Protein backbone atom coordinates (compact mmCIF):
# COMPACT_ATOMS: atom_id res chain seq x y z
CA UNK A 1 -48.53 -85.90 -42.49
CA UNK A 2 -48.55 -89.57 -41.85
CA UNK A 3 -45.88 -92.06 -40.98
CA UNK A 4 -46.30 -95.24 -42.96
CA UNK A 5 -44.42 -98.47 -42.64
CA UNK A 6 -44.49 -101.14 -45.33
CA UNK A 7 -45.35 -104.53 -43.87
CA UNK A 8 -44.79 -107.68 -45.92
CA UNK A 9 -47.70 -110.13 -46.01
CA UNK A 10 -46.90 -113.82 -45.85
CA UNK A 11 -48.99 -116.19 -47.91
CA UNK A 12 -50.03 -119.59 -46.50
CA UNK A 13 -47.18 -121.13 -48.49
CA UNK A 14 -44.61 -118.83 -46.87
CA UNK A 15 -44.16 -116.64 -49.94
CA UNK A 16 -43.88 -112.91 -49.46
CA UNK A 17 -46.83 -111.09 -50.98
CA UNK A 18 -46.65 -107.49 -52.21
CA UNK A 19 -46.02 -104.95 -49.45
CA UNK A 20 -48.87 -102.88 -48.06
CA UNK A 21 -48.67 -99.63 -46.18
CA UNK A 22 -50.13 -99.17 -42.72
CA UNK A 23 -50.61 -95.73 -41.23
CA UNK A 24 -49.14 -95.79 -37.72
CA UNK A 25 -49.24 -92.12 -36.80
CA UNK A 26 -51.16 -89.13 -38.10
CA UNK A 27 -50.83 -85.44 -37.26
CA UNK A 28 -53.47 -83.14 -38.73
CA UNK A 29 -53.41 -79.36 -38.57
CA UNK A 30 -56.54 -77.57 -39.68
CA UNK A 31 -57.89 -74.09 -39.53
CA UNK A 32 -61.22 -72.37 -39.51
CA UNK A 33 -60.90 -68.63 -40.19
CA UNK A 34 -58.10 -67.56 -37.80
CA UNK A 35 -58.49 -70.60 -35.50
CA UNK A 36 -55.79 -73.28 -35.82
CA UNK A 37 -56.21 -76.79 -34.42
CA UNK A 38 -53.66 -79.62 -34.33
CA UNK A 39 -54.61 -83.23 -33.58
CA UNK A 40 -52.84 -86.56 -33.63
CA UNK A 41 -53.86 -90.20 -33.83
CA UNK A 42 -52.10 -93.52 -33.35
CA UNK A 43 -52.94 -96.84 -34.97
CA UNK A 44 -55.27 -98.76 -32.58
CA UNK A 45 -53.04 -101.86 -32.52
CA UNK A 46 -49.95 -99.84 -31.71
CA UNK A 47 -51.84 -98.07 -28.92
CA UNK A 48 -52.96 -101.44 -27.56
CA UNK A 49 -49.40 -102.81 -27.63
CA UNK A 50 -47.97 -99.98 -25.53
CA UNK A 51 -47.52 -100.29 -21.79
CA UNK A 52 -49.32 -97.62 -19.71
CA UNK A 53 -46.06 -95.74 -19.06
CA UNK A 54 -45.18 -95.86 -22.76
CA UNK A 55 -48.65 -94.62 -23.71
CA UNK A 56 -48.28 -91.75 -21.24
CA UNK A 57 -44.90 -90.81 -22.72
CA UNK A 58 -46.20 -90.99 -26.30
CA UNK A 59 -49.21 -88.85 -25.34
CA UNK A 60 -46.96 -86.24 -23.74
CA UNK A 61 -44.56 -86.13 -26.69
CA UNK A 62 -47.35 -85.97 -29.26
CA UNK A 63 -48.97 -83.16 -27.30
CA UNK A 64 -45.69 -81.26 -27.64
CA UNK A 65 -45.50 -82.09 -31.36
CA UNK A 66 -49.03 -80.86 -32.07
CA UNK A 67 -48.35 -77.69 -30.06
CA UNK A 68 -45.17 -76.97 -32.06
CA UNK A 69 -46.79 -77.76 -35.41
CA UNK A 70 -49.91 -75.77 -34.55
CA UNK A 71 -47.88 -72.72 -33.44
CA UNK A 72 -45.75 -72.85 -36.58
CA UNK A 73 -48.82 -73.20 -38.78
CA UNK A 74 -50.44 -70.21 -37.04
CA UNK A 75 -47.22 -68.18 -37.45
CA UNK A 76 -46.99 -68.91 -41.17
CA UNK A 77 -50.69 -68.22 -41.60
CA UNK A 78 -50.38 -64.84 -39.87
CA UNK A 79 -47.47 -63.91 -42.16
CA UNK A 80 -49.38 -64.91 -45.30
CA UNK A 81 -52.76 -63.57 -44.21
CA UNK A 82 -52.11 -60.86 -41.65
CA UNK A 83 -55.12 -59.55 -39.75
CA UNK A 84 -55.37 -56.07 -41.26
CA UNK A 85 -57.08 -53.53 -39.02
CA UNK A 86 -60.08 -51.84 -40.60
CA UNK A 87 -60.49 -48.11 -40.89
CA UNK A 88 -63.57 -46.39 -39.55
């Protein structure tokens, strides 16, 4: 669900410290009953570093990603838990 990139930390003496992971991108798909929602988030520093045109392109692409993931999640959910009509 998350894209992580290990970033080496440099100590004051120039030695490389153990790597740490930073979450750059997150896509979350959730559901409530039959409702499916997909959301995405970008690391604040990465967002700040993007030019306006780049931010617009990332927003558009991530909108497409969340739509695709959300639709697929809903499709799988409907196959696993089909809405069975009741009998009266």
